[in-house]
Amino acid sequence: MFGRRILLLVPHPDDEVVGCAAAIGRARAEGAQIFALYLTDGCLARDTLWPWRRKNHEAYVARRRVEAESAAKLLDLHPVGWASRPTRRLWRELPEVHEEIRAAIAACQPDQIWLPAYEGGNPDHDALNALGRLLRDNLSVLEFAEYNFCGGKTRAQQFPFPDGREQTIALTPEERRQKSALLRLYASERQNLNYIGIVSECFRPLAAYDYSQPPHPGILWYARFQWIPFRHPRVDFTPPEEVSREICAYLEARRGEGEAGASA
């Protein structure tokens, strides 16, 4: 089920806890080494913030790094890279992100990749999942459900569309306690983590997605508040269709270089 040398691709510090904290513990118990590549700093870009909040930006970035390092220590993860890009930029920088992943693969020689599901929780998650398509010819790739808004309601640790290959981890009381403690470590994100369940985790081999379409019909999680009539920094106004176009354009470019294309 789990590899012996696992590279965990972390779009934002805290995703390693939200998606797979218990799975990390179980893989380690089986003797796995787990490496983590952090692909954003987890913070909004300074120039997108209200002017009176910009002065504290560097301190907030530093705080997220300390939280991530503390979580990695408790999970016994081995960080192999810390990207300085802000959140909401990963999906716009797929060539650079892909190069960072390939460098990490060369450095730690994993036999398995873990990443978030394509579920509309965050455009960075969805774009990173698509890069998994380019890795699965040579490596086992597992995707972990985090959160989505399929059917118009909050769903945590559930894939929008099961395909029969899902494996669910029912957390033991000790695993629940540990996951709760790890979520509390990310105090800077407390208000964004109160919907995360600690009862189960769910993963499967990377599904065959059509990345030209949003992950599910209806409103995606990150688009829930796009009705707000002004550009609030905390609201992600990313159009889901634009994310799909960026993903497909990059996958098509890679197809021309002999790598996998956009559709299964």
Protein backbone atom coordinates (compact mmCIF):
# COMPACT_ATOMS: atom_id res chain seq x y z
CA MET A 1 0.00 0.00 0.00
CA PHE A 2 2.54 2.57 1.13
CA GLY A 3 5.96 3.07 -0.42
CA ARG A 4 9.30 2.76 1.33
CA ARG A 5 10.52 6.21 0.31
CA ILE A 6 7.64 8.66 0.01
CA LEU A 7 7.77 12.22 -1.29
CA LEU A 8 4.88 14.27 0.07
CA LEU A 9 4.05 17.30 -2.09
CA VAL A 10 2.69 20.00 0.22
CA PRO A 11 0.95 22.88 -1.58
CA HIS A 12 0.58 24.90 1.64
CA PRO A 13 1.97 24.29 5.12
CA ASP A 14 -0.85 22.48 7.00
CA ASP A 15 -1.93 20.26 4.06
CA GLU A 16 0.37 17.54 5.34
CA VAL A 17 -1.72 17.48 8.53
CA VAL A 18 -5.15 18.03 6.98
CA GLY A 19 -4.80 15.33 4.35
CA CYS A 20 -2.63 12.60 5.75
CA ALA A 21 -1.34 12.99 9.31
CA ALA A 22 -2.52 9.52 10.34
CA ALA A 23 -1.36 7.98 7.06
CA ILE A 24 2.10 9.43 7.68
CA GLY A 25 2.20 7.78 11.08
CA ARG A 26 1.09 4.43 9.69
CA ALA A 27 3.55 4.54 6.81
CA ARG A 28 6.35 5.35 9.22
CA ALA A 29 5.28 2.41 11.42
CA GLU A 30 5.75 0.20 8.35
CA GLY A 31 9.30 1.50 8.00
CA ALA A 32 8.82 4.21 5.38
CA GLN A 33 10.95 7.33 5.11
CA ILE A 34 8.82 10.35 4.26
CA PHE A 35 10.16 13.50 2.65
CA ALA A 36 8.18 16.73 2.30
CA LEU A 37 8.45 19.40 -0.39
CA TYR A 38 6.66 22.63 0.60
CA LEU A 39 5.63 24.42 -2.58
CA THR A 40 4.29 27.73 -1.19
CA ASP A 41 4.86 29.64 2.02
CA GLY A 42 1.14 29.34 2.80
CA CYS A 43 0.57 33.11 2.92
CA LEU A 44 -1.13 35.57 0.59
CA ALA A 45 1.17 37.76 -1.48
CA ARG A 46 2.04 40.97 0.31
CA ASP A 47 0.73 43.17 -2.51
CA THR A 48 -2.75 41.58 -2.27
CA LEU A 49 -3.26 42.56 1.39
CA TRP A 50 -4.91 45.63 2.82
CA PRO A 51 -2.20 48.31 3.23
CA TRP A 52 -2.37 48.27 7.05
CA ARG A 53 -1.70 44.51 7.08
CA ARG A 54 1.32 44.55 4.81
CA LYS A 55 3.72 45.66 7.55
CA ASN A 56 3.18 42.33 9.37
CA HIS A 57 3.53 40.15 6.30
CA GLU A 58 7.11 38.97 6.90
CA ALA A 59 6.28 38.04 10.48
CA TYR A 60 3.28 36.01 9.34
CA VAL A 61 5.36 34.15 6.74
CA ALA A 62 7.96 33.37 9.40
CA ARG A 63 5.26 32.15 11.75
CA ARG A 64 3.87 29.72 9.16
CA ARG A 65 7.39 28.36 8.62
CA VAL A 66 7.88 27.77 12.35
CA GLU A 67 4.51 26.03 12.56
CA ALA A 68 5.40 23.80 9.59
CA GLU A 69 8.78 22.92 11.03
CA SER A 70 7.18 22.00 14.36
CA ALA A 71 4.62 19.78 12.61
CA ALA A 72 7.34 18.14 10.51
CA LYS A 73 9.30 17.33 13.65
CA LEU A 74 6.31 15.71 15.32
CA LEU A 75 5.44 13.76 12.17
CA ASP A 76 9.09 12.80 11.58
CA LEU A 77 9.00 14.29 8.08
CA HIS A 78 12.22 15.19 6.30
CA PRO A 79 11.77 18.56 4.52
CA VAL A 80 13.60 18.70 1.18
CA GLY A 81 12.56 22.19 0.06
CA TRP A 82 10.74 25.34 1.12
CA ALA A 83 9.39 27.43 -1.75
CA SER A 84 9.01 31.15 -1.11
CA ARG A 85 6.07 31.64 -3.50
CA PRO A 86 2.81 32.90 -1.97
CA THR A 87 -0.34 30.85 -1.92
CA ARG A 88 -2.61 31.17 -4.99
CA ARG A 89 0.48 31.32 -7.22
CA LEU A 90 1.30 27.62 -7.56
CA TRP A 91 -1.33 27.04 -10.24
CA ARG A 92 0.08 29.99 -12.21
CA GLU A 93 3.67 28.70 -12.08
CA LEU A 94 3.35 25.09 -13.18
CA PRO A 95 6.64 24.90 -15.12
CA GLU A 96 8.61 26.18 -12.11
CA VAL A 97 6.73 23.92 -9.67
CA HIS A 98 7.30 20.92 -11.92
CA GLU A 99 11.04 21.62 -11.98
CA GLU A 100 11.13 21.87 -8.18
CA ILE A 101 9.37 18.51 -7.91
CA ARG A 102 11.75 16.87 -10.36
CA ALA A 103 14.72 18.20 -8.42
CA ALA A 104 13.27 16.82 -5.18
CA ILE A 105 12.70 13.44 -6.83
CA ALA A 106 16.30 13.37 -7.99
CA ALA A 107 17.49 14.26 -4.50
CA CYS A 108 15.49 11.81 -2.40
CA GLN A 109 14.74 9.02 -4.92
CA PRO A 110 11.18 8.21 -3.81
CA ASP A 111 9.18 5.21 -4.94
CA GLN A 112 5.86 6.90 -4.16
CA ILE A 113 4.35 10.40 -4.36
CA TRP A 114 1.55 11.72 -2.13
CA LEU A 115 -0.48 14.80 -3.08
CA PRO A 116 -3.93 16.39 -2.62
CA ALA A 117 -6.96 15.32 -4.62
CA TYR A 118 -8.50 17.18 -7.55
CA GLU A 119 -11.59 18.29 -5.65
CA GLY A 120 -11.93 22.06 -5.92
CA GLY A 121 -10.75 22.78 -2.41
CA ASN A 122 -8.01 25.12 -3.60
CA PRO A 123 -6.69 25.91 -7.09
CA ASP A 124 -3.13 25.20 -5.92
CA HIS A 125 -4.21 21.71 -4.80
CA ASP A 126 -5.93 21.05 -8.11
CA ALA A 127 -2.97 22.17 -10.23
CA LEU A 128 -0.55 20.11 -8.14
CA ASN A 129 -2.77 17.07 -8.57
CA ALA A 130 -2.52 17.52 -12.34
CA LEU A 131 1.26 17.43 -12.14
CA GLY A 132 0.83 13.99 -10.59
CA ARG A 133 -0.34 12.86 -14.03
CA LEU A 134 3.17 13.55 -15.29
CA LEU A 135 4.76 11.47 -12.53
CA ARG A 136 2.68 8.32 -12.43
CA ASP A 137 4.39 6.58 -15.36
CA ASN A 138 7.49 6.13 -13.24
CA LEU A 139 6.19 6.32 -9.66
CA SER A 140 3.23 5.22 -7.61
CA VAL A 141 1.05 8.29 -6.94
CA LEU A 142 -1.52 8.45 -4.15
CA GLU A 143 -3.99 11.30 -3.74
CA PHE A 144 -5.60 12.29 -0.44
CA ALA A 145 -9.04 13.88 -0.03
CA GLU A 146 -9.00 17.07 2.03
CA TYR A 147 -12.17 19.16 1.61
CA ASN A 148 -14.67 20.06 -1.10
CA PHE A 149 -18.11 21.59 -1.66
CA CYS A 150 -19.62 18.93 -3.91
CA GLY A 151 -23.41 18.96 -3.65
CA GLY A 152 -23.35 22.38 -2.03
CA LYS A 153 -22.17 21.23 1.40
CA THR A 154 -18.88 20.89 3.22
CA ARG A 155 -17.26 17.49 2.79
CA ALA A 156 -14.02 16.67 4.56
CA GLN A 157 -11.87 13.63 3.80
CA GLN A 158 -14.33 12.45 1.12
CA PHE A 159 -13.72 12.33 -2.62
CA PRO A 160 -16.45 14.00 -4.68
CA PHE A 161 -16.61 10.95 -6.97
CA PRO A 162 -15.42 7.62 -5.53
CA ASP A 163 -14.09 5.18 -8.10
CA GLY A 164 -13.98 2.05 -5.94
CA ARG A 165 -10.26 2.19 -5.18
CA GLU A 166 -10.53 4.37 -2.08
CA GLN A 167 -8.99 3.26 1.17
CA THR A 168 -10.24 4.84 4.37
CA ILE A 169 -8.20 5.06 7.55
CA ALA A 170 -10.35 5.11 10.67
CA LEU A 171 -8.28 7.06 13.16
CA THR A 172 -7.69 5.49 16.53
CA PRO A 173 -8.31 7.60 19.65
CA GLU A 174 -4.55 8.26 19.86
CA GLU A 175 -4.38 9.26 16.19
CA ARG A 176 -7.30 11.64 16.73
CA ARG A 177 -5.53 13.21 19.67
CA GLN A 178 -2.33 13.59 17.66
CA LYS A 179 -4.10 15.07 14.65
CA SER A 180 -5.96 17.55 16.85
CA ALA A 181 -2.65 18.60 18.42
CA LEU A 182 -1.06 19.02 15.00
CA LEU A 183 -3.96 21.16 13.76
CA ARG A 184 -3.59 23.34 16.84
CA LEU A 185 0.07 23.85 15.94
CA TYR A 186 -1.13 25.82 12.94
CA ALA A 187 -2.61 28.51 15.15
CA SER A 188 -2.22 31.10 12.39
CA GLU A 189 -4.76 29.13 10.32
CA ARG A 190 -7.16 28.21 13.12
CA GLN A 191 -10.18 29.88 11.53
CA ASN A 192 -9.58 28.01 8.26
CA LEU A 193 -9.18 24.55 9.81
CA ASN A 194 -12.30 24.20 11.94
CA TYR A 195 -14.07 22.09 9.29
CA ILE A 196 -11.35 19.43 9.15
CA GLY A 197 -12.39 16.05 10.47
CA ILE A 198 -10.25 13.90 12.72
CA VAL A 199 -12.29 10.71 12.39
CA SER A 200 -10.92 9.37 9.11
CA GLU A 201 -8.56 9.96 6.19
CA CYS A 202 -9.16 8.76 2.67
CA PHE A 203 -6.77 8.11 -0.20
CA ARG A 204 -6.53 6.23 -3.49
CA PRO A 205 -4.26 5.86 -6.51
CA LEU A 206 -4.39 9.00 -8.63
CA ALA A 207 -7.70 8.99 -10.52
CA ALA A 208 -8.12 9.53 -14.25
CA TYR A 209 -9.39 13.11 -14.24
CA ASP A 210 -10.54 15.30 -17.09
CA TYR A 211 -8.66 18.43 -16.07
CA SER A 212 -10.40 20.44 -18.79
CA GLN A 213 -13.43 20.47 -16.47
CA PRO A 214 -13.75 21.69 -12.86
CA PRO A 215 -13.58 18.88 -10.30
CA HIS A 216 -17.34 18.75 -9.78
CA PRO A 217 -20.49 20.58 -10.92
CA GLY A 218 -21.71 23.59 -8.98
CA ILE A 219 -19.75 25.97 -6.79
CA LEU A 220 -16.24 24.89 -5.80
CA TRP A 221 -14.99 25.32 -2.25
CA TYR A 222 -12.62 28.16 -3.12
CA ALA A 223 -15.35 29.93 -5.13
CA ARG A 224 -17.95 29.97 -2.34
CA PHE A 225 -17.60 33.69 -1.59
CA GLN A 226 -16.97 35.06 -5.05
CA TRP A 227 -20.37 36.77 -4.89
CA ILE A 228 -18.81 39.46 -2.66
CA PRO A 229 -18.90 42.68 -4.75
CA PHE A 230 -15.45 43.97 -3.80
CA ARG A 231 -11.96 42.45 -3.86
CA HIS A 232 -11.55 41.23 -0.32
CA PRO A 233 -8.05 39.75 0.15
CA ARG A 234 -9.33 36.69 1.97
CA VAL A 235 -11.67 35.74 -0.86
CA ASP A 236 -10.14 33.74 -3.70
CA PHE A 237 -11.57 35.17 -6.92
CA THR A 238 -9.78 32.63 -9.12
CA PRO A 239 -12.11 31.50 -11.95
CA PRO A 240 -12.19 27.66 -11.95
CA GLU A 241 -12.27 27.68 -15.74
CA GLU A 242 -8.98 29.60 -15.81
CA VAL A 243 -7.35 27.00 -13.57
CA SER A 244 -8.48 24.26 -15.96
CA ARG A 245 -7.11 26.18 -18.95
CA GLU A 246 -3.72 26.65 -17.26
CA ILE A 247 -3.54 22.98 -16.30
CA CYS A 248 -4.48 21.74 -19.76
CA ALA A 249 -2.12 24.14 -21.51
CA TYR A 250 0.79 22.88 -19.43
CA LEU A 251 -0.11 19.20 -19.80
CA GLU A 252 -0.49 19.68 -23.55
CA ALA A 253 2.94 21.30 -23.70
CA ARG A 254 4.39 18.33 -21.87
CA ARG A 255 2.62 15.97 -24.26
CA GLY A 256 4.62 17.59 -27.03
CA GLU A 257 7.78 16.69 -25.12
CA GLY A 258 6.75 13.06 -24.72
CA GLU A 259 5.01 13.27 -21.37
CA ALA A 260 1.39 12.59 -20.44
CA GLY A 261 -1.42 14.75 -21.80
CA ALA A 262 -4.46 16.36 -20.29
CA SER A 263 -7.07 13.65 -20.61
CA ALA A 264 -7.06 10.05 -19.50
